[in-house]
Amino acid sequence: MALNALQYEEIIKDYEKLRDKNRHLLESRREEVYAKLPGYRELEDSISTLSVSAARQLLDGDSSARTRLHDSLIRIRSKQKELLDSACFPRDYLEPVYTCSCCQDTGYVSGKDGLQEKCRCFRQKEISLLYTQSNIQEMIARENFSTLSYEYYQGEDLQHFRAAVELAWKFVQNFRQDYQNLFFYGTVGTGKSFLSGCIAKELLQQGCSVIYFSSSGLFETLARYSFDFREKEALYGFCEDLYGCDLLIIDDLGTEVTNNFVTSQLFACLNERNLRRKSSIISTNLNLSELRDRYSDRIFSRITSNYSLCKLTGPDIRICRKRLAGTS
């Protein structure tokens, strides 16, 4: 779907705020360095003085002035880095700060044809505005690799979970190079949605576009657009985003009311994303036999042949946490 004028303006203002925040951060860093390293400011001031002097010399016909300026700037930059090192500042501490290095917080990058096109981070802002993605934002704030714990798993369950974590990390590390899909299945509360959130947070931080839907939410949205003739344009835009985003997460497959519409839409989504080589993650409490019985053989075949299957077992972690909280 396309943004309306107000939504577009909201995103542009968000980028302006982002640039202002990073500009203030750089200014505060500069003042910190000046306070701790007075000689650094003197070196910076000398750059301006040398540049003005070289410009005058060039105007007077001194063709070697440019070379002398270049050599002087190299020496000054070297001294600045030495000063930063002496105070244990990173060498890039005073480089421009960008939240997105691809577009430098403008929202746009140069395309293959030289024309400006939306950056990946702009696409994610669009997704967040156009579709209700608050669930994943709340989830990844509390459930990510930094909060991962093995304490609730034992024996074979622990082996399964360790293997799943390793698979999730490889998925993140190879995401831009390899086309890959994950299918997390197993008993309730064993970490399937948690690992999906871990992956989502890492890829969002890399600037990838991620769409998250519970299974019931996805098919309710598709039905709303599909059965209202006034929403045909919205349906087209939604499907383009659904099929074209870098990563699609379908959580709790099997919790929706399954019918012919759901089956056909699920197959279309899996098939189209496979054709476009766009990665997906599906989580479900269904076992493989239940998956085959509930959906078509074509869907079962697409998943078992194109997805890395990862089974998780063990106690319901949510219940374990509530019990521990109740006893503390």
Protein backbone atom coordinates (compact mmCIF):
# COMPACT_ATOMS: atom_id res chain seq x y z
CA MET A 1 0.00 0.00 0.00
CA ALA A 2 1.09 3.56 -0.62
CA LEU A 3 1.64 6.10 2.13
CA ASN A 4 -0.73 9.03 2.29
CA ALA A 5 0.70 12.55 2.51
CA LEU A 6 0.50 12.71 6.30
CA GLN A 7 2.22 9.36 6.74
CA TYR A 8 5.01 10.36 4.34
CA GLU A 9 5.48 13.64 6.19
CA GLU A 10 5.65 11.75 9.49
CA ILE A 11 8.52 9.61 8.20
CA ILE A 12 10.41 12.61 6.79
CA LYS A 13 10.07 14.41 10.14
CA ASP A 14 11.34 11.28 11.86
CA TYR A 15 14.50 11.42 9.71
CA GLU A 16 14.94 15.11 10.54
CA LYS A 17 14.75 14.31 14.26
CA LEU A 18 17.21 11.47 13.76
CA ARG A 19 19.73 13.73 12.01
CA ASP A 20 19.33 16.38 14.72
CA LYS A 21 19.89 13.80 17.46
CA ASN A 22 23.03 12.43 15.81
CA ARG A 23 24.31 15.95 15.09
CA HIS A 24 23.95 16.85 18.77
CA LEU A 25 25.70 13.61 19.71
CA LEU A 26 28.64 14.49 17.46
CA GLU A 27 28.79 18.01 18.89
CA SER A 28 28.85 16.70 22.46
CA ARG A 29 31.65 14.28 21.52
CA ARG A 30 33.61 17.13 19.97
CA GLU A 31 33.27 19.26 23.10
CA GLU A 32 34.36 16.27 25.20
CA VAL A 33 37.49 15.80 23.08
CA TYR A 34 38.28 19.55 23.16
CA ALA A 35 38.00 19.53 26.96
CA LYS A 36 40.31 16.55 27.40
CA LEU A 37 42.67 17.26 24.50
CA PRO A 38 43.17 21.02 23.99
CA GLY A 39 45.75 20.33 21.27
CA TYR A 40 43.08 18.68 19.13
CA ARG A 41 41.18 21.95 18.62
CA GLU A 42 44.41 23.70 17.63
CA LEU A 43 45.06 21.06 14.97
CA GLU A 44 41.52 21.49 13.60
CA ASP A 45 41.92 25.27 13.49
CA SER A 46 45.22 24.86 11.62
CA ILE A 47 43.40 22.97 8.85
CA SER A 48 41.28 26.03 8.05
CA THR A 49 44.31 28.33 8.15
CA LEU A 50 46.34 26.09 5.84
CA SER A 51 43.43 25.69 3.41
CA VAL A 52 42.93 29.46 3.08
CA SER A 53 46.68 29.99 2.64
CA ALA A 54 46.91 27.29 -0.04
CA ALA A 55 43.97 28.82 -1.93
CA ARG A 56 45.73 32.17 -2.05
CA GLN A 57 48.97 30.57 -3.22
CA LEU A 58 47.13 28.74 -6.01
CA LEU A 59 45.57 32.03 -7.15
CA ASP A 60 49.06 33.52 -7.21
CA GLY A 61 50.18 30.78 -9.57
CA ASP A 62 51.94 28.47 -7.10
CA SER A 63 50.97 25.10 -8.61
CA SER A 64 52.74 23.11 -5.86
CA ALA A 65 50.51 24.58 -3.12
CA ARG A 66 47.92 21.82 -3.54
CA THR A 67 50.53 19.09 -2.99
CA ARG A 68 51.93 20.83 0.10
CA LEU A 69 48.43 21.23 1.52
CA HIS A 70 47.69 17.55 0.92
CA ASP A 71 50.88 16.47 2.71
CA SER A 72 50.18 18.84 5.61
CA LEU A 73 46.64 17.54 6.04
CA ILE A 74 47.91 13.96 6.18
CA ARG A 75 50.34 14.91 8.97
CA ILE A 76 47.62 16.77 10.90
CA ARG A 77 45.15 13.86 10.61
CA SER A 78 47.85 11.50 11.84
CA LYS A 79 48.55 13.71 14.88
CA GLN A 80 44.80 13.90 15.63
CA LYS A 81 44.53 10.12 15.62
CA GLU A 82 47.52 9.86 17.92
CA LEU A 83 45.88 12.29 20.34
CA LEU A 84 42.63 10.30 20.29
CA ASP A 85 44.59 7.10 20.91
CA SER A 86 46.42 8.69 23.86
CA ALA A 87 43.08 9.42 25.59
CA CYS A 88 41.58 6.04 24.62
CA PHE A 89 39.01 7.56 22.24
CA PRO A 90 38.06 5.47 19.19
CA ARG A 91 39.74 6.84 16.05
CA ASP A 92 36.34 7.39 14.41
CA TYR A 93 34.91 9.11 17.51
CA LEU A 94 34.50 12.42 15.68
CA GLU A 95 33.33 10.99 12.38
CA PRO A 96 29.73 11.82 11.37
CA VAL A 97 27.19 9.69 13.27
CA TYR A 98 24.50 7.88 11.28
CA THR A 99 21.82 5.52 12.49
CA CYS A 100 21.65 4.13 8.94
CA SER A 101 25.01 4.28 7.18
CA CYS A 102 23.44 3.30 3.83
CA CYS A 103 21.36 6.46 3.40
CA GLN A 104 23.11 8.58 6.06
CA ASP A 105 19.70 9.12 7.70
CA THR A 106 18.11 10.71 4.63
CA GLY A 107 15.87 7.75 3.77
CA TYR A 108 17.09 7.60 0.17
CA VAL A 109 19.99 5.94 -1.67
CA SER A 110 21.19 6.01 -5.27
CA GLY A 111 19.77 3.16 -7.36
CA LYS A 112 21.45 1.26 -10.18
CA ASP A 113 20.14 3.79 -12.70
CA GLY A 114 21.49 6.70 -10.65
CA LEU A 115 18.04 7.76 -9.51
CA GLN A 116 17.15 8.14 -5.84
CA GLU A 117 15.20 5.26 -4.29
CA LYS A 118 13.93 4.46 -0.82
CA CYS A 119 16.45 2.97 1.57
CA ARG A 120 15.74 -0.29 3.40
CA CYS A 121 15.24 1.67 6.61
CA PHE A 122 12.58 3.83 4.89
CA ARG A 123 10.78 0.66 3.81
CA GLN A 124 10.74 -0.56 7.40
CA LYS A 125 9.28 2.74 8.57
CA GLU A 126 6.59 2.36 5.90
CA ILE A 127 5.81 -1.15 7.10
CA SER A 128 5.55 0.02 10.69
CA LEU A 129 3.07 2.74 9.69
CA LEU A 130 1.01 0.75 7.22
CA TYR A 131 0.64 -2.45 9.23
CA THR A 132 0.28 -2.96 12.95
CA GLN A 133 3.77 -4.09 13.89
CA SER A 134 3.65 -3.09 17.57
CA ASN A 135 3.63 -6.73 18.65
CA ILE A 136 7.09 -7.40 17.30
CA GLN A 137 8.49 -4.14 18.68
CA GLU A 138 7.29 -5.07 22.15
CA MET A 139 8.51 -8.65 21.72
CA ILE A 140 12.06 -7.86 20.58
CA ALA A 141 12.48 -5.29 23.34
CA ARG A 142 12.28 -8.05 25.96
CA GLU A 143 13.04 -11.20 23.95
CA ASN A 144 16.33 -11.12 22.03
CA PHE A 145 19.72 -12.79 21.97
CA SER A 146 20.91 -10.64 24.91
CA THR A 147 18.13 -12.04 27.15
CA LEU A 148 18.47 -15.64 25.91
CA SER A 149 18.78 -18.26 28.68
CA TYR A 150 19.24 -22.03 28.74
CA GLU A 151 18.20 -22.46 32.37
CA TYR A 152 14.76 -23.93 31.66
CA TYR A 153 16.03 -26.75 29.43
CA GLN A 154 17.55 -30.10 30.34
CA GLY A 155 18.80 -33.20 28.54
CA GLU A 156 17.46 -33.67 25.03
CA ASP A 157 15.36 -30.50 25.27
CA LEU A 158 18.54 -28.51 25.94
CA GLN A 159 20.26 -30.10 22.94
CA HIS A 160 17.31 -29.14 20.72
CA PHE A 161 17.33 -25.57 21.97
CA ARG A 162 21.10 -25.15 21.58
CA ALA A 163 20.84 -26.43 18.00
CA ALA A 164 17.99 -24.01 17.34
CA VAL A 165 19.97 -21.04 18.70
CA GLU A 166 22.94 -21.96 16.52
CA LEU A 167 20.66 -22.24 13.50
CA ALA A 168 19.14 -18.82 14.29
CA TRP A 169 22.59 -17.19 14.51
CA LYS A 170 23.66 -18.73 11.20
CA PHE A 171 20.42 -17.46 9.64
CA VAL A 172 21.31 -13.90 10.73
CA GLN A 173 24.97 -14.11 9.75
CA ASN A 174 24.26 -15.48 6.26
CA PHE A 175 21.05 -13.56 5.61
CA ARG A 176 22.37 -11.22 2.93
CA GLN A 177 24.30 -13.95 1.11
CA ASP A 178 22.01 -17.00 1.26
CA TYR A 179 18.33 -17.57 0.57
CA GLN A 180 17.04 -19.48 3.60
CA ASN A 181 13.83 -20.19 5.51
CA LEU A 182 13.14 -21.51 9.00
CA PHE A 183 10.27 -23.60 10.33
CA PHE A 184 10.13 -23.77 14.13
CA TYR A 185 7.73 -26.40 15.45
CA GLY A 186 7.09 -28.23 18.69
CA THR A 187 5.27 -27.99 21.98
CA VAL A 188 3.82 -24.80 23.47
CA GLY A 189 6.13 -22.26 25.10
CA THR A 190 9.48 -23.79 24.14
CA GLY A 191 11.02 -20.72 22.51
CA LYS A 192 9.80 -20.73 18.91
CA SER A 193 8.45 -17.17 18.90
CA PHE A 194 11.37 -16.08 21.08
CA LEU A 195 13.93 -17.17 18.47
CA SER A 196 11.90 -15.54 15.69
CA GLY A 197 12.08 -12.29 17.66
CA CYS A 198 15.83 -12.69 18.21
CA ILE A 199 16.37 -12.96 14.47
CA ALA A 200 14.00 -10.09 13.71
CA LYS A 201 15.82 -7.70 16.04
CA GLU A 202 19.22 -8.47 14.54
CA LEU A 203 17.99 -8.01 10.97
CA LEU A 204 16.07 -4.84 11.78
CA GLN A 205 19.28 -3.40 13.20
CA GLN A 206 20.97 -4.29 9.90
CA GLY A 207 18.37 -2.24 8.03
CA CYS A 208 16.37 -5.16 6.63
CA SER A 209 12.62 -4.87 6.15
CA VAL A 210 10.74 -7.29 8.41
CA ILE A 211 7.00 -7.95 8.51
CA TYR A 212 5.62 -9.85 11.49
CA PHE A 213 2.12 -11.31 11.70
CA SER A 214 0.42 -13.80 13.93
CA SER A 215 -1.17 -16.37 11.64
CA SER A 216 -4.69 -15.28 12.60
CA GLY A 217 -3.80 -11.60 12.09
CA LEU A 218 -2.31 -12.25 8.65
CA PHE A 219 -5.33 -14.08 7.26
CA GLU A 220 -7.80 -11.66 8.84
CA THR A 221 -5.99 -8.82 7.06
CA LEU A 222 -5.96 -10.70 3.75
CA ALA A 223 -9.68 -11.51 4.11
CA ARG A 224 -10.56 -7.89 4.90
CA TYR A 225 -8.88 -6.64 1.74
CA SER A 226 -9.94 -9.58 -0.45
CA PHE A 227 -13.67 -9.48 0.26
CA ASP A 228 -14.14 -5.71 0.01
CA PHE A 229 -14.18 -4.56 -3.63
CA ARG A 230 -13.24 -1.06 -2.46
CA GLU A 231 -9.93 -2.41 -1.13
CA LYS A 232 -8.55 -3.99 -4.31
CA GLU A 233 -5.77 -1.43 -4.60
CA ALA A 234 -4.94 -1.88 -0.92
CA LEU A 235 -4.89 -5.66 -1.40
CA TYR A 236 -2.41 -5.34 -4.28
CA GLY A 237 -0.13 -3.10 -2.22
CA PHE A 238 -0.36 -5.35 0.81
CA CYS A 239 0.54 -8.44 -1.20
CA GLU A 240 3.50 -6.65 -2.79
CA ASP A 241 4.81 -5.81 0.68
CA LEU A 242 4.03 -9.29 1.96
CA TYR A 243 5.83 -10.98 -0.93
CA GLY A 244 8.65 -8.47 -1.26
CA CYS A 245 9.87 -7.66 2.28
CA ASP A 246 13.28 -9.01 3.24
CA LEU A 247 11.87 -11.25 5.98
CA LEU A 248 8.32 -12.40 6.69
CA ILE A 249 7.52 -13.96 10.08
CA ILE A 250 4.29 -15.94 10.44
CA ASP A 251 3.85 -16.76 14.12
CA ASP A 252 1.61 -19.51 15.55
CA LEU A 253 0.54 -21.08 12.29
CA GLY A 254 -2.47 -23.27 13.01
CA THR A 255 -4.20 -20.89 15.43
CA GLU A 256 -6.24 -19.36 12.59
CA VAL A 257 -9.57 -20.78 11.43
CA THR A 258 -8.35 -22.93 8.54
CA ASN A 259 -10.49 -23.05 5.38
CA ASN A 260 -10.04 -23.03 1.60
CA PHE A 261 -9.32 -19.30 1.58
CA VAL A 262 -6.58 -19.61 4.20
CA THR A 263 -5.02 -22.61 2.45
CA SER A 264 -4.94 -20.90 -0.94
CA GLN A 265 -3.55 -17.64 0.48
CA LEU A 266 -0.87 -19.46 2.48
CA PHE A 267 0.25 -21.40 -0.58
CA ALA A 268 0.32 -18.22 -2.70
CA CYS A 269 2.44 -16.46 -0.08
CA LEU A 270 4.93 -19.32 0.33
CA ASN A 271 5.18 -19.90 -3.41
CA GLU A 272 5.59 -16.25 -4.39
CA ARG A 273 8.22 -15.56 -1.74
CA ASN A 274 10.09 -18.67 -2.85
CA LEU A 275 10.05 -17.46 -6.46
CA ARG A 276 11.37 -14.08 -5.35
CA ARG A 277 13.97 -15.75 -3.10
CA LYS A 278 12.69 -13.88 -0.05
CA SER A 279 13.22 -15.50 3.34
CA SER A 280 10.45 -16.49 5.76
CA ILE A 281 10.16 -17.84 9.29
CA ILE A 282 7.15 -19.85 10.39
CA SER A 283 6.46 -21.03 13.92
CA THR A 284 3.76 -23.48 14.94
CA ASN A 285 2.65 -25.77 17.75
CA LEU A 286 1.59 -28.34 15.14
CA ASN A 287 3.69 -31.41 14.54
CA LEU A 288 4.50 -32.43 10.98
CA SER A 289 1.62 -34.92 10.74
CA GLU A 290 -0.85 -32.28 11.90
CA LEU A 291 0.64 -29.81 9.42
CA ARG A 292 0.03 -32.23 6.55
CA ASP A 293 -3.52 -33.02 7.71
CA ARG A 294 -4.53 -29.38 8.23
CA TYR A 295 -3.11 -27.94 5.01
CA SER A 296 -2.68 -29.15 1.45
CA ASP A 297 0.03 -31.51 0.26
CA ARG A 298 1.42 -28.61 -1.81
CA ILE A 299 1.91 -26.50 1.32
CA PHE A 300 3.45 -29.41 3.22
CA SER A 301 5.80 -30.03 0.31
CA ARG A 302 6.81 -26.34 0.05
CA ILE A 303 7.66 -26.18 3.74
CA THR A 304 9.48 -29.49 4.09
CA SER A 305 11.53 -28.94 0.92
CA ASN A 306 12.34 -25.21 1.22
CA TYR A 307 12.60 -24.68 4.98
CA SER A 308 15.11 -25.78 7.61
CA LEU A 309 12.94 -27.71 10.07
CA CYS A 310 13.76 -27.09 13.72
CA LYS A 311 11.93 -28.98 16.47
CA LEU A 312 11.79 -27.58 20.00
CA THR A 313 10.64 -29.57 23.03
CA GLY A 314 10.45 -29.11 26.77
CA PRO A 315 8.34 -27.41 29.43
CA ASP A 316 6.27 -24.28 28.82
CA ILE A 317 8.79 -21.54 29.65
CA ARG A 318 6.05 -19.00 30.35
CA ILE A 319 4.56 -21.23 33.05
CA CYS A 320 8.01 -21.91 34.52
CA ARG A 321 8.68 -18.17 34.79
CA LYS A 322 5.33 -17.52 36.47
CA ARG A 323 6.00 -20.25 39.01
CA LEU A 324 9.45 -18.85 39.79
CA ALA A 325 8.01 -15.34 40.08
CA GLY A 326 5.36 -16.65 42.47
CA THR A 327 7.91 -18.27 44.76
CA SER A 328 10.32 -15.32 44.85
